[in-house]
Amino acid sequence: MGVVVDFGDSGKRKASIEGLSNLVKADLDRVNKTIIENMQSPVALIPQLAGHLIAAGGKRLRPMLTLGAAALCGYEGERHVKLAACVEFIHTATLLHDDVVDESELRRGQESANAVWGNQASVLVGDFLFSRSFQLMTADGSIEVMRILSEASAVIAEGEVQQLITTNDTETDESAYLEVIRGKTAKLFAAAAEVGAVVAERPKAEQQALESYGMNLGIAFQLVDDVLDYSAQQEKLGKNVGDDFQEGKITLPVILAFRRGDDEERAFWRRTLQDLDQQEGDLAHAQALMAKHNTLADSLDRARHYAAIARDALGLFDDGDAKQALVDVVDFCVERAY
């Protein structure tokens, strides 16, 4: 049975990314066109498989951050469109690889690419999309842009490897967990936002502010994702409740429950996550232990902490529609009580 998480005052205006979507709609249409153009290949399986994932939807949050940051910085050129497409290619490539590593059968409510075409094709098409992203970077011609996005690609890979190391390790602590999510999730948020300032040739302080905004937004986003995996809310995302549990992933709700538990409870976590010896009713028991030790609510408190840092990072910028849209994204990422 899923745990329903209290996301706060239901009477508040519901957080939304609609403001950012409306702000960047014209540019995002051009980004989508650029994505379709650049995933074409004479090898028919490549656009077929890539299109399966890209057409599945997703909010295009990361490329929208590039477009929104560029708008915030007053940019009026063209470069941000292809760079936003580049960001989405990096993200899509990592999704293809992640689903293979995690042996996932669902992605955004439909069959994952590896479930349809197999692991080999998914890995290789992921490699193709990474390569396309680098072609878009080099076409832009900016060494600074290439540094930011290529570094993000490397850090994402490091984060995924680090997660592989910590999976099934119940001794993982909160600092190691945060290192993983900074790499595998938050780094691309940070890069996506920062390049919006770079193309606008804004001062270094503004570039760093948008990098901080993206990094802390990304941390908050992943913390909430990890909470939702044990929540009834997850069913509305087209995902299975408890995927992380079944895979033995060590996320913050687990880390807190393990630290706060007694010997019997820690033995449960070792059996189910370390040894992957899982029985019927174990997921419900895991959720009960998290409720007992308040670990989902405390993990959300951590997310709100990083969200506050993200909001503060925008303090350098003048008030306006673009700034408000980026603030709303922070609230949306934390309050995703779909």
Protein backbone atom coordinates (compact mmCIF):
# COMPACT_ATOMS: atom_id res chain seq x y z
CA MET A 1 0.00 0.00 0.00
CA GLY A 2 1.45 3.37 -1.00
CA VAL A 3 2.22 6.07 1.52
CA VAL A 4 0.58 9.40 0.80
CA VAL A 5 3.01 12.24 1.43
CA ASP A 6 1.75 15.54 2.80
CA PHE A 7 3.20 18.20 0.53
CA GLY A 8 1.88 21.09 2.58
CA ASP A 9 -1.07 23.43 2.49
CA SER A 10 -3.49 22.24 -0.17
CA GLY A 11 -5.05 25.70 -0.19
CA LYS A 12 -1.94 27.30 -1.68
CA ARG A 13 -1.71 28.12 -5.38
CA LYS A 14 -0.56 24.90 -7.00
CA ALA A 15 3.02 25.10 -8.18
CA SER A 16 3.41 24.71 -11.92
CA ILE A 17 5.91 24.91 -14.75
CA GLU A 18 3.22 26.46 -16.94
CA GLY A 19 4.75 29.91 -16.55
CA LEU A 20 8.08 28.72 -17.90
CA SER A 21 6.38 26.66 -20.63
CA ASN A 22 4.45 29.72 -21.81
CA LEU A 23 7.51 31.97 -21.58
CA VAL A 24 9.65 29.74 -23.81
CA LYS A 25 6.95 28.12 -25.97
CA ALA A 26 8.12 29.50 -29.30
CA ASP A 27 11.74 28.61 -28.59
CA LEU A 28 10.78 25.17 -27.28
CA ASP A 29 8.93 24.43 -30.53
CA ARG A 30 12.17 25.20 -32.33
CA VAL A 31 14.08 22.99 -29.90
CA ASN A 32 11.74 20.09 -30.62
CA LYS A 33 12.22 20.62 -34.36
CA THR A 34 16.00 20.65 -33.86
CA ILE A 35 15.79 17.42 -31.84
CA ILE A 36 13.83 15.67 -34.59
CA GLU A 37 16.24 16.89 -37.28
CA ASN A 38 19.31 15.77 -35.36
CA MET A 39 18.11 12.31 -34.37
CA GLN A 40 17.76 11.31 -38.01
CA SER A 41 20.10 8.67 -39.41
CA PRO A 42 20.24 6.35 -42.44
CA VAL A 43 20.30 3.55 -39.85
CA ALA A 44 16.54 3.27 -39.37
CA LEU A 45 16.65 1.81 -35.87
CA ILE A 46 18.29 4.95 -34.49
CA PRO A 47 15.46 7.45 -35.10
CA GLN A 48 12.92 4.72 -34.39
CA LEU A 49 14.31 3.92 -30.94
CA ALA A 50 15.25 7.50 -30.04
CA GLY A 51 11.86 8.71 -31.21
CA HIS A 52 10.13 6.14 -29.00
CA LEU A 53 11.57 7.78 -25.90
CA ILE A 54 11.50 11.39 -27.07
CA ALA A 55 7.90 11.11 -28.30
CA ALA A 56 6.87 9.64 -24.94
CA GLY A 57 6.72 13.17 -23.65
CA GLY A 58 8.48 14.34 -20.58
CA LYS A 59 8.33 17.97 -19.60
CA ARG A 60 11.53 19.02 -21.39
CA LEU A 61 12.46 20.61 -18.09
CA ARG A 62 16.21 20.69 -18.66
CA PRO A 63 16.11 22.37 -22.09
CA MET A 64 13.47 24.75 -20.75
CA LEU A 65 15.96 25.78 -18.08
CA THR A 66 18.41 26.78 -20.81
CA LEU A 67 15.71 28.75 -22.62
CA GLY A 68 14.42 30.33 -19.40
CA ALA A 69 17.91 31.30 -18.23
CA ALA A 70 18.62 32.89 -21.61
CA ALA A 71 15.37 34.86 -21.35
CA LEU A 72 16.26 35.92 -17.81
CA CYS A 73 19.58 37.24 -19.13
CA GLY A 74 17.92 39.15 -21.96
CA TYR A 75 19.40 37.02 -24.74
CA GLU A 76 17.93 37.67 -28.18
CA GLY A 77 20.06 35.45 -30.41
CA GLU A 78 19.66 31.91 -31.75
CA ARG A 79 22.33 29.83 -30.02
CA HIS A 80 20.25 28.82 -27.02
CA VAL A 81 17.89 26.73 -29.19
CA LYS A 82 20.53 24.25 -30.37
CA LEU A 83 22.16 24.17 -26.95
CA ALA A 84 18.82 23.35 -25.34
CA ALA A 85 18.48 20.49 -27.84
CA CYS A 86 21.99 19.41 -26.88
CA VAL A 87 20.96 19.31 -23.22
CA GLU A 88 17.93 17.15 -24.07
CA PHE A 89 20.10 14.73 -26.08
CA ILE A 90 22.45 14.30 -23.12
CA HIS A 91 19.45 13.69 -20.86
CA THR A 92 17.82 11.21 -23.27
CA ALA A 93 21.07 9.30 -23.71
CA THR A 94 21.41 8.92 -19.95
CA LEU A 95 17.80 7.68 -19.72
CA LEU A 96 18.48 4.99 -22.31
CA HIS A 97 21.59 3.86 -20.44
CA ASP A 98 19.90 4.08 -17.03
CA ASP A 99 17.03 1.84 -18.09
CA VAL A 100 19.51 -0.80 -19.21
CA VAL A 101 21.46 -0.62 -15.96
CA ASP A 102 18.28 -0.67 -13.87
CA GLU A 103 16.61 -3.31 -16.06
CA SER A 104 13.57 -1.01 -16.18
CA GLU A 105 10.54 -2.07 -18.18
CA LEU A 106 8.62 1.20 -17.95
CA ARG A 107 9.59 4.76 -18.85
CA ARG A 108 7.01 7.58 -18.62
CA GLY A 109 4.18 5.08 -18.42
CA GLN A 110 5.07 3.04 -21.49
CA GLU A 111 7.46 0.24 -22.33
CA SER A 112 11.09 1.32 -22.05
CA ALA A 113 13.25 1.21 -25.17
CA ASN A 114 15.30 -1.69 -23.79
CA ALA A 115 12.10 -3.64 -23.12
CA VAL A 116 11.12 -3.21 -26.79
CA TRP A 117 14.45 -3.37 -28.64
CA GLY A 118 16.81 -4.90 -26.12
CA ASN A 119 19.79 -3.68 -24.14
CA GLN A 120 22.36 -3.60 -26.94
CA ALA A 121 20.31 -1.33 -29.19
CA SER A 122 19.45 0.99 -26.29
CA VAL A 123 23.08 1.41 -25.25
CA LEU A 124 24.26 2.05 -28.80
CA VAL A 125 21.50 4.56 -29.59
CA GLY A 126 22.32 6.27 -26.30
CA ASP A 127 25.90 6.53 -27.53
CA PHE A 128 24.63 8.02 -30.80
CA LEU A 129 22.67 10.70 -28.93
CA PHE A 130 25.70 11.56 -26.80
CA SER A 131 27.68 11.97 -30.03
CA ARG A 132 24.98 14.18 -31.52
CA SER A 133 25.10 16.36 -28.42
CA PHE A 134 28.82 16.90 -28.91
CA GLN A 135 28.25 17.79 -32.56
CA LEU A 136 25.78 20.47 -31.45
CA MET A 137 28.28 21.75 -28.85
CA THR A 138 31.10 22.07 -31.35
CA ALA A 139 28.80 23.70 -33.93
CA ASP A 140 28.09 26.42 -31.35
CA GLY A 141 31.78 27.29 -31.37
CA SER A 142 32.13 28.43 -27.77
CA ILE A 143 34.91 26.81 -25.76
CA GLU A 144 33.14 27.85 -22.54
CA VAL A 145 29.88 26.20 -23.60
CA MET A 146 31.73 23.06 -24.59
CA ARG A 147 33.58 23.02 -21.28
CA ILE A 148 30.35 23.28 -19.29
CA LEU A 149 28.39 20.66 -21.22
CA SER A 150 31.22 18.17 -21.75
CA GLU A 151 32.11 18.39 -18.06
CA ALA A 152 28.45 17.75 -17.24
CA SER A 153 28.48 14.64 -19.45
CA ALA A 154 31.53 13.28 -17.64
CA VAL A 155 30.15 14.06 -14.18
CA ILE A 156 26.81 12.41 -15.01
CA ALA A 157 28.65 9.22 -15.98
CA GLU A 158 30.67 9.38 -12.76
CA GLY A 159 27.46 9.82 -10.77
CA GLU A 160 25.92 6.77 -12.40
CA VAL A 161 29.00 4.68 -11.63
CA GLN A 162 29.00 5.97 -8.06
CA GLN A 163 25.34 4.97 -7.73
CA LEU A 164 26.24 1.51 -8.99
CA ILE A 165 28.84 1.27 -6.22
CA THR A 166 26.43 2.39 -3.49
CA THR A 167 23.53 0.21 -4.68
CA ASN A 168 22.88 -2.57 -2.13
CA ASP A 169 25.31 -0.95 0.34
CA THR A 170 23.27 -0.16 3.45
CA GLU A 171 26.30 1.53 5.03
CA THR A 172 26.03 4.38 2.52
CA ASP A 173 25.76 7.70 4.34
CA GLU A 174 23.98 10.90 3.42
CA SER A 175 27.09 12.63 2.08
CA ALA A 176 27.79 9.77 -0.33
CA TYR A 177 24.16 9.81 -1.44
CA LEU A 178 24.29 13.57 -2.09
CA GLU A 179 27.48 13.10 -4.10
CA VAL A 180 25.63 10.62 -6.31
CA ILE A 181 22.64 12.86 -6.98
CA ARG A 182 24.78 15.93 -7.57
CA GLY A 183 26.47 13.95 -10.33
CA LYS A 184 23.73 11.90 -11.93
CA THR A 185 20.93 14.48 -11.79
CA ALA A 186 21.84 17.95 -10.56
CA LYS A 187 24.91 18.55 -12.73
CA LEU A 188 22.86 18.63 -15.94
CA PHE A 189 20.33 21.02 -14.36
CA ALA A 190 23.27 23.25 -13.41
CA ALA A 191 24.86 23.13 -16.86
CA ALA A 192 21.53 23.71 -18.60
CA ALA A 193 20.91 26.90 -16.61
CA GLU A 194 24.49 28.17 -16.77
CA VAL A 195 24.80 28.04 -20.57
CA GLY A 196 21.80 30.38 -20.78
CA ALA A 197 23.93 33.05 -19.13
CA VAL A 198 27.02 32.17 -21.16
CA VAL A 199 25.34 32.69 -24.55
CA ALA A 200 24.05 36.04 -23.26
CA GLU A 201 27.63 36.95 -22.29
CA ARG A 202 26.56 37.87 -18.79
CA PRO A 203 29.10 38.55 -15.99
CA LYS A 204 30.70 35.58 -14.23
CA ALA A 205 28.68 36.24 -11.08
CA GLU A 206 25.44 35.74 -13.01
CA GLN A 207 26.76 32.57 -14.66
CA GLN A 208 27.66 31.21 -11.23
CA ALA A 209 24.28 32.22 -9.83
CA LEU A 210 22.45 30.28 -12.53
CA GLU A 211 24.79 27.31 -12.06
CA SER A 212 23.93 27.37 -8.33
CA TYR A 213 20.23 27.70 -9.14
CA GLY A 214 20.34 24.64 -11.41
CA MET A 215 22.48 22.55 -9.08
CA ASN A 216 20.29 23.10 -6.04
CA LEU A 217 17.10 22.72 -8.07
CA GLY A 218 18.43 19.40 -9.37
CA ILE A 219 19.25 18.15 -5.88
CA ALA A 220 15.76 19.08 -4.67
CA PHE A 221 14.22 17.44 -7.74
CA GLN A 222 16.01 14.12 -7.13
CA LEU A 223 15.26 14.13 -3.41
CA VAL A 224 11.56 14.45 -4.21
CA ASP A 225 11.83 11.69 -6.84
CA ASP A 226 13.36 9.40 -4.22
CA VAL A 227 10.54 10.18 -1.80
CA LEU A 228 7.90 9.59 -4.46
CA ASP A 229 9.28 6.11 -5.14
CA TYR A 230 7.81 5.04 -1.79
CA SER A 231 4.63 7.09 -2.16
CA ALA A 232 1.21 6.44 -3.64
CA GLN A 233 1.81 9.60 -5.71
CA GLN A 234 4.23 7.57 -7.83
CA GLU A 235 1.44 5.62 -9.51
CA LYS A 236 0.27 8.84 -11.14
CA LEU A 237 3.71 9.25 -12.77
CA GLY A 238 3.31 6.05 -14.75
CA LYS A 239 5.93 4.33 -12.62
CA ASN A 240 5.80 1.41 -10.26
CA VAL A 241 5.85 2.19 -6.57
CA GLY A 242 8.98 0.74 -5.00
CA ASP A 243 11.22 0.39 -8.06
CA ASP A 244 14.17 1.73 -6.05
CA PHE A 245 13.40 -0.76 -3.29
CA GLN A 246 13.30 -3.69 -5.69
CA GLU A 247 16.61 -2.64 -7.25
CA GLY A 248 18.29 -2.18 -3.87
CA LYS A 249 18.99 1.51 -4.40
CA ILE A 250 20.11 3.36 -1.29
CA THR A 251 18.26 6.66 -1.25
CA LEU A 252 17.84 9.19 1.55
CA PRO A 253 14.55 7.76 2.93
CA VAL A 254 16.33 4.41 3.30
CA ILE A 255 19.49 5.92 4.79
CA LEU A 256 17.49 7.75 7.46
CA ALA A 257 15.35 4.69 8.26
CA PHE A 258 18.45 2.50 8.54
CA ARG A 259 20.24 4.96 10.83
CA ARG A 260 17.21 5.45 13.07
CA GLY A 261 16.18 1.81 13.23
CA ASP A 262 16.96 -0.86 15.81
CA ASP A 263 18.97 -4.01 15.14
CA GLU A 264 15.93 -5.90 13.88
CA GLU A 265 15.02 -3.13 11.46
CA ARG A 266 18.57 -2.85 10.15
CA ALA A 267 18.59 -6.59 9.58
CA PHE A 268 15.44 -6.12 7.47
CA TRP A 269 17.13 -3.47 5.33
CA ARG A 270 20.23 -5.64 4.88
CA ARG A 271 18.14 -8.62 3.81
CA THR A 272 15.95 -6.73 1.38
CA LEU A 273 18.39 -4.21 -0.09
CA GLN A 274 21.84 -5.66 0.45
CA ASP A 275 20.98 -9.31 -0.21
CA LEU A 276 17.94 -8.53 -2.40
CA ASP A 277 16.08 -11.28 -0.56
CA GLN A 278 12.62 -9.74 -0.89
CA GLN A 279 9.33 -11.35 0.01
CA GLU A 280 5.68 -10.40 -0.35
CA GLY A 281 4.86 -7.62 2.08
CA ASP A 282 8.43 -6.33 2.35
CA LEU A 283 7.74 -3.12 0.45
CA ALA A 284 4.78 -2.35 2.71
CA HIS A 285 6.98 -3.02 5.75
CA ALA A 286 9.66 -0.70 4.35
CA GLN A 287 7.05 2.03 3.93
CA ALA A 288 5.83 1.42 7.49
CA LEU A 289 9.37 1.81 8.85
CA MET A 290 9.76 5.06 6.91
CA ALA A 291 6.49 6.30 8.39
CA LYS A 292 7.61 5.25 11.87
CA HIS A 293 10.86 7.22 11.59
CA ASN A 294 9.39 10.12 9.57
CA THR A 295 11.98 9.66 6.86
CA LEU A 296 9.83 10.72 3.89
CA ALA A 297 8.85 14.00 5.53
CA ASP A 298 12.44 14.64 6.62
CA SER A 299 13.69 13.94 3.11
CA LEU A 300 11.19 16.47 1.79
CA ASP A 301 12.52 18.96 4.33
CA ARG A 302 15.98 18.45 2.82
CA ALA A 303 14.49 19.08 -0.63
CA ARG A 304 12.92 22.32 0.60
CA HIS A 305 16.32 23.39 1.97
CA TYR A 306 17.98 23.02 -1.43
CA ALA A 307 14.97 24.63 -3.10
CA ALA A 308 15.44 27.69 -0.89
CA ILE A 309 19.08 27.94 -1.99
CA ALA A 310 17.98 27.72 -5.62
CA ARG A 311 15.49 30.55 -5.14
CA ASP A 312 18.10 32.70 -3.38
CA ALA A 313 20.51 32.22 -6.27
CA LEU A 314 18.11 34.17 -8.49
CA GLY A 315 18.39 37.20 -6.20
CA LEU A 316 20.96 38.80 -8.49
CA PHE A 317 18.42 39.18 -11.26
CA ASP A 318 15.71 41.78 -11.78
CA ASP A 319 12.14 40.81 -11.07
CA GLY A 320 10.03 39.94 -14.08
CA ASP A 321 8.22 37.14 -15.89
CA ALA A 322 11.37 35.10 -16.53
CA LYS A 323 12.52 35.23 -12.93
CA GLN A 324 9.06 34.36 -11.61
CA ALA A 325 8.85 31.43 -14.03
CA LEU A 326 12.15 30.03 -12.78
CA VAL A 327 11.04 30.47 -9.15
CA ASP A 328 7.80 28.65 -9.96
CA VAL A 329 9.82 25.74 -11.36
CA VAL A 330 11.53 25.36 -7.98
CA ASP A 331 8.17 25.22 -6.22
CA PHE A 332 6.83 22.76 -8.79
CA CYS A 333 9.79 20.40 -8.39
CA VAL A 334 9.31 20.24 -4.62
CA GLU A 335 5.52 20.11 -4.56
CA ARG A 336 4.92 17.45 -7.21
CA ALA A 337 1.87 15.94 -5.51
CA TYR A 338 0.49 14.94 -8.89
